[in-house]
Protein backbone atom coordinates (compact mmCIF):
# COMPACT_ATOMS: atom_id res chain seq x y z
CA MET A 1 68.62 78.79 81.89
CA ARG A 2 67.05 76.56 84.06
CA GLY A 3 70.22 75.75 85.59
CA VAL A 4 71.09 79.28 85.80
CA LEU A 5 68.27 80.28 87.50
CA GLY A 6 68.58 77.37 89.78
CA GLY A 7 71.91 78.47 90.84
CA MET A 8 70.08 81.58 91.18
CA GLU A 9 67.76 80.38 93.62
CA LEU A 10 70.56 78.45 95.63
CA GLU A 11 72.51 81.52 95.83
CA LYS A 12 69.69 83.56 96.86
CA SER A 13 68.63 81.02 99.59
CA GLY A 14 72.04 80.90 100.71
CA GLY A 15 71.92 85.14 101.19
CA ARG A 16 68.59 84.85 103.01
CA ALA A 17 70.30 81.53 105.44
CA GLY A 18 73.25 83.95 105.60
CA GLY A 19 71.06 87.20 106.40
CA ALA A 20 68.98 85.63 108.57
CA ALA A 21 72.32 84.33 110.58
CA GLY A 22 73.74 88.17 110.09
CA GLY A 23 70.99 90.50 110.23
CA GLY A 24 69.32 90.15 106.99
CA GLU A 25 69.74 91.81 103.84
CA GLY A 26 65.65 92.98 103.15
CA CYS A 27 62.79 92.43 101.23
CA LEU A 28 63.70 95.28 98.89
CA VAL A 29 67.24 93.28 97.74
CA THR A 30 65.32 89.99 97.62
CA ALA A 31 62.64 91.46 95.19
CA ILE A 32 65.64 93.44 93.03
CA ARG A 33 67.74 90.53 92.52
CA LEU A 34 66.11 88.04 90.47
CA PRO A 35 64.33 90.20 87.73
CA VAL A 36 67.89 92.13 87.51
CA ARG A 37 70.18 89.14 87.00
CA ILE A 38 68.03 87.92 84.58
CA VAL A 39 68.04 91.21 82.86
CA VAL A 40 72.07 91.64 82.42
CA LEU A 41 72.44 87.75 81.77
CA VAL A 42 69.61 88.10 78.62
CA LEU A 43 72.03 91.87 77.64
CA VAL A 44 75.50 89.92 78.57
CA VAL A 45 75.75 86.86 76.66
CA PRO A 46 75.58 88.16 73.42
CA VAL A 47 78.36 90.87 74.43
CA ARG A 48 80.70 88.14 76.08
CA MET A 49 80.12 85.68 72.89
CA LEU A 50 81.06 88.76 70.53
CA TRP A 51 84.21 89.23 72.54
CA ASP A 52 84.90 85.48 72.79
CA ALA A 53 84.55 85.31 68.88
CA LEU A 54 86.33 88.87 68.33
CA VAL A 55 89.42 87.02 70.63
CA VAL A 56 89.64 83.98 68.72
CA THR A 57 89.73 85.53 65.61
CA GLY A 58 92.40 87.77 66.65
CA ARG A 59 94.87 85.14 68.35
CA TRP A 60 93.93 83.22 64.91
CA LEU A 61 94.66 86.94 62.83
CA ASN A 62 97.93 86.81 65.00
CA ASP A 63 99.52 83.15 64.18
CA ALA A 64 98.26 82.79 61.01
CA LEU A 65 98.83 86.85 59.51
CA LEU A 66 100.48 89.21 61.53
CA ARG A 67 103.20 86.74 63.03
CA PRO A 68 104.34 85.48 59.63
CA VAL A 69 103.83 89.34 57.23
CA GLY A 70 106.11 90.97 60.95
CA ARG A 71 108.71 87.89 60.53
CA GLY A 72 108.70 88.79 56.36
CA LEU A 73 108.58 92.28 57.08
CA LEU A 74 111.45 92.00 59.16
CA TRP A 75 113.71 89.52 56.85
CA LEU A 76 112.77 91.99 54.21
CA ALA A 77 114.03 95.38 56.43
CA ARG A 78 117.23 93.47 57.25
CA ALA A 79 117.98 92.46 53.84
CA VAL A 80 117.06 95.83 52.52
CA PHE A 81 119.04 97.67 55.02
CA VAL A 82 121.08 96.38 57.22
CA TRP A 83 122.80 94.19 55.73
CA PRO A 84 123.67 96.26 52.98
CA LEU A 85 125.20 98.89 56.04
CA VAL A 86 127.05 95.46 57.12
CA GLY A 87 128.42 95.18 53.83
CA LEU A 88 129.40 98.70 52.98
CA TRP A 89 131.10 99.08 56.20
CA ARG A 90 133.11 95.85 56.58
CA TYR A 91 134.27 95.72 52.46
CA LEU A 92 134.00 99.37 51.86
CA LEU A 93 134.61 101.55 55.00
CA THR A 94 136.59 99.48 56.73
CA PRO A 95 139.12 98.95 54.22
CA LEU A 96 139.34 102.69 53.28
CA GLY A 97 139.34 103.86 57.07
CA GLN A 98 142.42 101.37 56.78
CA LEU A 99 144.03 103.15 54.25
CA ALA A 100 143.58 106.45 55.28
CA LEU A 101 144.86 105.94 58.71
CA TRP A 102 148.05 104.07 57.29
CA LEU A 103 148.33 107.08 54.74
CA GLY A 104 148.04 109.30 57.69
CA LYS A 105 150.77 107.23 59.90
CA VAL A 106 153.44 107.14 57.01
CA LEU A 107 152.61 110.72 55.22
CA ILE A 108 152.04 112.95 58.83
CA VAL A 109 152.97 110.78 61.76
CA ALA A 110 156.01 109.67 60.81
CA PRO A 111 157.55 112.44 59.18
CA ALA A 112 156.44 115.01 62.40
CA LEU A 113 158.47 112.24 64.58
CA TRP A 114 161.39 112.48 62.64
CA LEU A 115 161.26 115.85 62.67
CA TYR A 116 160.35 116.21 65.89
CA ARG A 117 163.46 113.89 67.09
CA TRP A 118 166.40 114.92 64.57
CA VAL A 119 165.28 118.39 64.05
CA LEU A 120 163.43 120.29 67.04
CA THR A 121 164.80 118.38 69.70
CA PRO A 122 168.18 119.36 69.04
CA VAL A 123 167.45 122.94 68.28
CA GLY A 124 165.43 123.23 71.42
CA HIS A 125 168.01 121.97 73.52
CA ALA A 126 170.50 124.30 71.63
CA VAL A 127 168.03 126.96 72.40
CA MET A 128 168.00 126.04 76.27
CA TRP A 129 172.14 126.00 76.49
CA LEU A 130 172.15 129.44 75.17
CA VAL A 131 169.04 131.08 77.38
CA ARG A 132 171.00 129.16 80.29
CA GLY A 133 174.17 130.80 79.57
CA VAL A 134 172.82 134.07 79.03
CA GLY A 135 170.90 133.80 82.37
CA VAL A 136 173.95 133.04 83.95
CA VAL A 137 175.61 136.30 83.00
CA LEU A 138 172.44 138.17 83.38
CA ALA A 139 172.41 137.22 87.05
CA ALA A 140 176.17 137.69 87.71
CA ILE A 141 175.46 141.49 86.24
CA GLY A 142 172.08 141.87 88.29
CA ALA A 143 174.37 140.80 91.26
CA GLY A 144 177.00 143.11 91.01
CA ALA A 145 174.57 145.98 89.71
CA TYR A 146 172.50 145.08 93.08
CA ALA A 147 175.31 145.22 95.71
CA VAL A 148 176.08 148.55 94.35
CA LEU A 149 172.77 149.72 94.76
CA ALA A 150 172.66 148.49 98.03
CA TRP A 151 176.02 150.23 99.19
CA LEU A 152 174.69 153.49 97.65
CA VAL A 153 171.09 153.19 99.39
CA ARG A 154 172.47 152.70 102.40
CA TYR A 155 175.03 155.58 102.96
CA LEU A 156 173.22 158.08 100.94
CA VAL A 157 169.66 157.38 102.19
CA VAL A 158 169.22 155.28 105.06
CA VAL A 159 171.95 156.54 107.49
CA PRO A 160 170.70 160.36 106.75
CA ALA A 161 167.19 159.38 107.41
CA VAL A 162 168.17 157.67 110.43
CA TRP A 163 169.59 160.61 112.08
CA VAL A 164 167.14 163.15 111.26
CA TYR A 165 164.86 160.86 112.63
CA ARG A 166 166.43 160.32 115.99
CA TRP A 167 168.15 163.85 116.67
CA VAL A 168 165.31 166.04 114.80
CA LEU A 169 162.12 164.42 114.07
CA THR A 170 161.85 162.63 117.87
CA PRO A 171 162.72 165.66 119.95
CA VAL A 172 159.99 167.67 117.89
CA GLY A 173 157.22 164.80 117.95
CA HIS A 174 157.99 164.65 121.99
CA ALA A 175 157.20 168.73 122.23
CA VAL A 176 153.87 168.38 119.88
CA MET A 177 152.40 165.67 122.12
CA TRP A 178 153.11 167.45 125.14
CA LEU A 179 151.40 170.69 123.60
CA VAL A 180 148.50 168.35 122.44
CA ARG A 181 148.12 166.61 125.96
CA GLY A 182 147.59 170.21 127.51
CA VAL A 183 144.91 171.07 125.37
CA GLY A 184 143.22 168.15 125.65
CA VAL A 185 142.64 168.51 129.87
CA VAL A 186 141.26 171.70 128.84
CA LEU A 187 138.71 171.19 126.73
CA ALA A 188 137.56 168.15 128.66
CA ALA A 189 136.88 170.54 131.49
CA MET A 190 135.44 172.99 129.48
CA GLY A 191 132.83 170.55 128.19
CA ALA A 192 132.03 169.12 131.67
CA GLY A 193 131.37 172.49 132.55
CA ALA A 194 128.70 172.88 129.79
CA TYR A 195 127.12 169.28 130.23
CA ALA A 196 126.04 169.96 133.84
CA VAL A 197 124.71 173.01 132.55
CA LEU A 198 122.34 171.61 129.97
CA ALA A 199 121.76 168.97 131.99
CA TRP A 200 120.07 171.22 134.55
CA LEU A 201 118.04 173.36 132.19
CA VAL A 202 116.65 170.31 130.69
CA ARG A 203 115.47 168.66 133.70
CA TYR A 204 113.89 171.86 134.98
CA LEU A 205 112.50 173.02 131.88
CA VAL A 206 111.57 170.01 130.22
CA VAL A 207 111.20 166.65 132.29
CA VAL A 208 109.51 168.65 135.22
CA PRO A 209 106.40 170.06 133.37
CA ALA A 210 105.73 167.06 131.45
CA VAL A 211 105.77 164.50 134.14
CA TRP A 212 103.07 167.35 135.61
CA LEU A 213 101.35 167.95 132.91
CA TYR A 214 101.04 163.64 132.27
CA THR A 215 99.85 163.12 135.85
CA TRP A 216 97.21 165.88 136.69
CA VAL A 217 96.01 166.74 132.77
CA LEU A 218 96.10 163.32 130.55
CA THR A 219 95.83 160.81 132.32
CA PRO A 220 92.30 161.50 133.83
CA VAL A 221 91.23 162.66 130.36
CA GLY A 222 92.46 159.56 129.00
CA ARG A 223 90.01 157.28 131.74
CA ALA A 224 87.20 159.35 130.50
CA ILE A 225 87.44 158.83 127.28
CA ALA A 226 88.42 155.20 128.06
CA TRP A 227 85.15 155.01 129.88
CA CYS A 228 83.09 156.33 127.29
CA ALA A 229 84.13 153.77 124.38
CA ARG A 230 83.67 150.95 127.18
CA GLY A 231 80.05 152.14 127.29
CA VAL A 232 79.31 152.67 123.32
CA ALA A 233 81.25 149.26 122.93
CA TRP A 234 78.75 147.40 125.09
CA ALA A 235 75.69 149.21 123.54
CA ALA A 236 76.77 148.06 119.86
CA GLY A 237 77.51 144.74 121.66
CA MET A 238 74.18 144.11 122.56
CA VAL A 239 72.62 145.33 119.31
CA VAL A 240 74.62 143.14 117.00
CA SER A 241 73.81 140.05 119.60
CA GLY A 242 70.39 140.49 119.00
CA VAL A 243 69.96 141.06 114.99
CA GLY A 244 72.42 137.68 114.85
CA THR A 245 69.96 136.11 117.29
CA ALA A 246 67.09 136.59 114.95
CA LEU A 247 69.38 136.31 111.86
CA TYR A 248 70.27 132.80 113.59
CA TRP A 249 66.65 131.46 113.93
CA ILE A 250 65.25 132.92 110.35
CA MET A 251 68.08 130.84 108.81
CA ARG A 252 67.22 127.89 110.80
CA VAL A 253 63.70 127.83 110.71
CA LEU A 254 63.50 128.75 107.11
CA PHE A 255 66.41 126.36 105.47
CA VAL A 256 68.21 124.64 107.79
CA LEU A 257 65.22 122.31 109.15
CA PRO A 258 63.63 121.95 105.95
CA ALA A 259 66.99 121.09 104.34
CA LEU A 260 67.83 118.44 107.18
CA ALA A 261 64.32 117.29 106.79
CA VAL A 262 64.97 116.34 103.08
CA TRP A 263 68.46 114.96 103.75
CA ARG A 264 66.98 113.04 106.04
CA TRP A 265 63.24 111.79 105.09
CA VAL A 266 64.03 112.14 100.73
CA LEU A 267 67.91 111.84 99.64
CA VAL A 268 68.99 109.28 102.32
CA PRO A 269 66.19 107.00 101.51
CA VAL A 270 66.74 107.35 97.89
CA GLY A 271 70.48 107.10 97.81
CA ARG A 272 70.04 103.54 100.17
CA VAL A 273 67.67 102.38 97.48
CA LEU A 274 70.18 103.48 94.61
CA ALA A 275 73.25 102.07 96.34
CA ILE A 276 71.12 98.54 96.53
CA ILE A 277 70.26 98.69 92.50
CA GLY A 278 73.76 99.66 92.17
CA ARG A 279 75.17 96.80 93.75
CA GLU A 280 72.66 94.57 92.60
CA ILE A 281 73.53 95.43 89.09
CA TRP A 282 77.07 95.32 89.44
CA ASP A 283 76.78 91.87 90.98
CA ALA A 284 74.71 90.98 88.58
CA LEU A 285 76.78 91.73 85.88
CA GLY A 286 79.97 90.08 87.31
CA HIS A 287 77.64 86.68 87.89
CA ALA A 288 76.38 87.30 84.23
CA TRP A 289 79.75 87.38 82.90
CA ARG A 290 80.99 84.41 84.24
CA VAL A 291 77.88 82.71 83.51
CA ALA A 292 78.06 84.08 79.69
CA ALA A 293 81.19 82.49 79.48
CA HIS A 294 80.02 79.18 80.25
CA ILE A 295 77.64 79.56 77.50
CA SER A 296 80.01 80.97 75.26
CA LEU A 297 82.52 78.05 75.46
CA VAL A 298 79.22 75.74 75.51
CA VAL A 299 78.40 77.14 72.02
CA GLY A 300 82.31 77.65 70.59
CA ARG A 301 82.65 73.48 71.51
CA PHE A 302 79.66 72.94 69.89
CA LEU A 303 79.96 75.16 67.16
CA ALA A 304 83.74 73.67 66.59
CA THR A 305 82.62 69.93 66.56
CA LEU A 306 80.09 70.80 64.23
CA PHE A 307 82.76 72.33 61.77
CA ARG A 308 85.23 69.22 62.47
CA TRP A 309 82.29 66.69 61.60
CA ILE A 310 81.06 68.75 58.60
CA PHE A 311 84.13 69.88 57.00
CA VAL A 312 87.63 68.77 58.73
CA GLU A 313 86.53 65.09 58.81
CA PRO A 314 85.34 64.90 55.20
CA VAL A 315 88.55 66.61 53.49
CA ARG A 316 90.95 64.19 56.29
CA TRP A 317 89.16 61.00 54.78
CA VAL A 318 89.22 62.68 51.40
CA TYR A 319 92.91 63.03 52.00
CA ARG A 320 93.59 59.78 53.62
CA SER A 321 91.46 57.47 51.20
CA VAL A 322 91.65 59.30 48.05
CA LEU A 323 94.68 61.59 47.66
CA THR A 324 97.13 59.79 49.25
CA PRO A 325 96.99 56.19 47.32
CA ILE A 326 96.61 58.48 43.81
CA GLY A 327 100.06 59.60 45.34
CA HIS A 328 101.72 56.60 46.03
CA ALA A 329 100.47 55.49 43.05
CA VAL A 330 102.07 58.80 40.86
CA ARG A 331 105.18 58.22 42.62
CA ASP A 332 105.70 55.03 42.25
CA ALA A 333 104.54 54.58 38.41
CA VAL A 334 105.83 58.21 37.37
CA LEU A 335 108.06 60.06 39.37
CA ARG A 336 110.49 57.68 40.64
CA PRO A 337 111.39 56.09 37.01
CA ALA A 338 111.64 59.90 36.15
CA ALA A 339 114.15 60.51 38.42
CA ARG A 340 115.87 57.02 37.91
CA ALA A 341 116.22 58.03 34.15
CA ALA A 342 117.09 61.90 34.54
CA ARG A 343 119.63 60.02 37.70
CA SER A 344 121.49 58.01 34.83
CA VAL A 345 121.16 61.09 32.15
CA GLY A 346 122.95 63.34 33.99
CA ARG A 347 125.97 60.49 35.28
CA ALA A 348 126.40 59.71 31.50
CA THR A 349 126.51 63.31 30.74
CA ARG A 350 129.28 64.07 33.34
CA GLN A 351 130.85 61.44 32.31
CA ALA A 352 131.06 62.59 28.80
CA LEU A 353 132.32 65.74 29.68
CA ALA A 354 134.72 64.34 32.05
CA SER A 355 136.18 62.40 28.73
CA ALA A 356 135.68 65.45 26.41
CA ARG A 357 137.81 67.28 28.91
CA GLU A 358 140.60 64.76 29.47
CA SER A 359 140.86 64.32 25.16
CA VAL A 360 140.87 68.23 25.14
CA ARG A 361 143.62 68.20 27.86
CA GLN A 362 145.68 65.49 26.36
CA ALA A 363 145.49 67.34 22.77
CA ARG A 364 146.70 70.81 24.69
CA ALA A 365 149.69 68.72 26.30
CA ASP A 366 150.46 67.17 23.15
CA PHE A 367 150.27 70.42 20.97
CA ARG A 368 152.52 72.20 23.54
CA ARG A 369 155.31 69.42 23.08
CA MET A 370 155.60 69.27 19.60
CA LEU A 371 155.95 73.10 19.25
CA PHE A 372 158.29 73.13 22.69
CA GLY A 373 159.74 69.87 22.89
CA GLU A 374 159.87 68.20 26.33
CA PRO A 375 159.97 70.38 29.70
CA ARG A 376 163.55 69.96 31.23
CA LYS A 377 163.50 68.02 34.29
CA PRO A 378 165.23 70.04 37.59
CA LEU A 379 168.79 68.67 38.37
CA LEU A 380 169.54 67.78 41.94
CA THR A 381 172.69 69.26 42.90
CA ASP A 382 174.17 69.52 46.46
CA ARG A 383 173.99 73.05 47.94
CA GLY A 384 176.25 72.41 50.93
CA GLU A 385 173.13 72.58 53.20
CA PRO A 386 173.03 70.58 56.50
CA PRO A 387 170.01 67.93 56.46
CA ALA A 388 167.38 68.24 58.12
CA ARG A 389 167.35 67.43 61.83
CA GLN A 390 166.57 63.82 63.11
CA ALA A 391 163.62 63.01 65.15
CA ARG A 392 165.06 61.92 68.99
CA THR A 393 164.62 58.56 69.97
CA LEU A 394 165.46 56.40 72.97
CA GLY A 395 168.40 55.22 72.01
CA SER A 396 170.22 58.44 70.75
CA SER A 397 172.10 61.02 72.08
CA THR A 398 173.40 64.69 71.65
CA THR A 399 176.15 65.20 73.39
CA ALA A 400 179.72 64.39 72.44
CA LEU A 401 180.58 62.33 74.65
CA THR A 402 178.02 59.55 73.90
CA LYS A 403 177.46 60.51 70.41
CA ASP A 404 178.08 57.49 67.70
């Protein structure tokens, strides 16, 4: 604690030096910092020690319990689910699928290919040849019918129609067009006269009176109305401006100036004090958390050393000085002789069983020989086959000229 307070004093003096160099932090910051850091350190040390204890416990549980349990559950899941499924797929479903594929190939694909190759293909070729021949015959018949119909249409329809168009319809059409052109000229002259009369009547009966009415009646009346409206708007603007000015000063005096005074002389100083306190508390929390880490590390090392000298070292001394010599004595006096005796008994048992099997095999061969006689030996006969080909050497040859 003295070291922590000394560190705080050093940091405080360093802060004073920096403040003297850069403008100073003020007496309020200096008065708040030390008590806040002491209180926060007292509150944070138990929390940090509890946090470190939980971290160590969690790591030990993860290494000693959760990870082995997870590996065991993974192996159990693999043994219960994965391996049976793999065996089912490999030794049941795959052979069944291959068998079904072979049966489908033998029972469906091969007959279908044979039917397509030796039945449907020849039948299709025959049908195509028949359709091609029928098409040729129908094309020839259609060509002849088309030629006959074309000759009949040309000399019974086209030639009379051309004669009627040239010597009857063309003169009649020219006469009709001359008559329509004359009637159009007459109607155009009549329309131009009627348009001139209607334009003169509209100008002197509608347009001229309307211009006179707009110039000498409507314009003076509109100017008088606009002047009256401008005066009324000016009077209303003056009234509204006076009322707005009065309301502005009333709101300023009753609300804005008091609120500004409260903000400037109450809220801003209180906010600065709270900001300083919050900043100091935050810095104190960080500093206390780091100091608590060092304290927790020291306490943890002390407890680990205490546990080692109280429990681990006695257990190690007992194991090394008591249990190990006893185990070596038991191994040399009991276990090794027992293992040698067991190996000798096993060796004698295996030899006895081998001799018994050999005796049973010999007795079975003698009994078979007594019942059926000696087995016949195969006779080696020459079957006229060529001998095996010998390997080539440096002195041998395969050509007819150099053979021995």
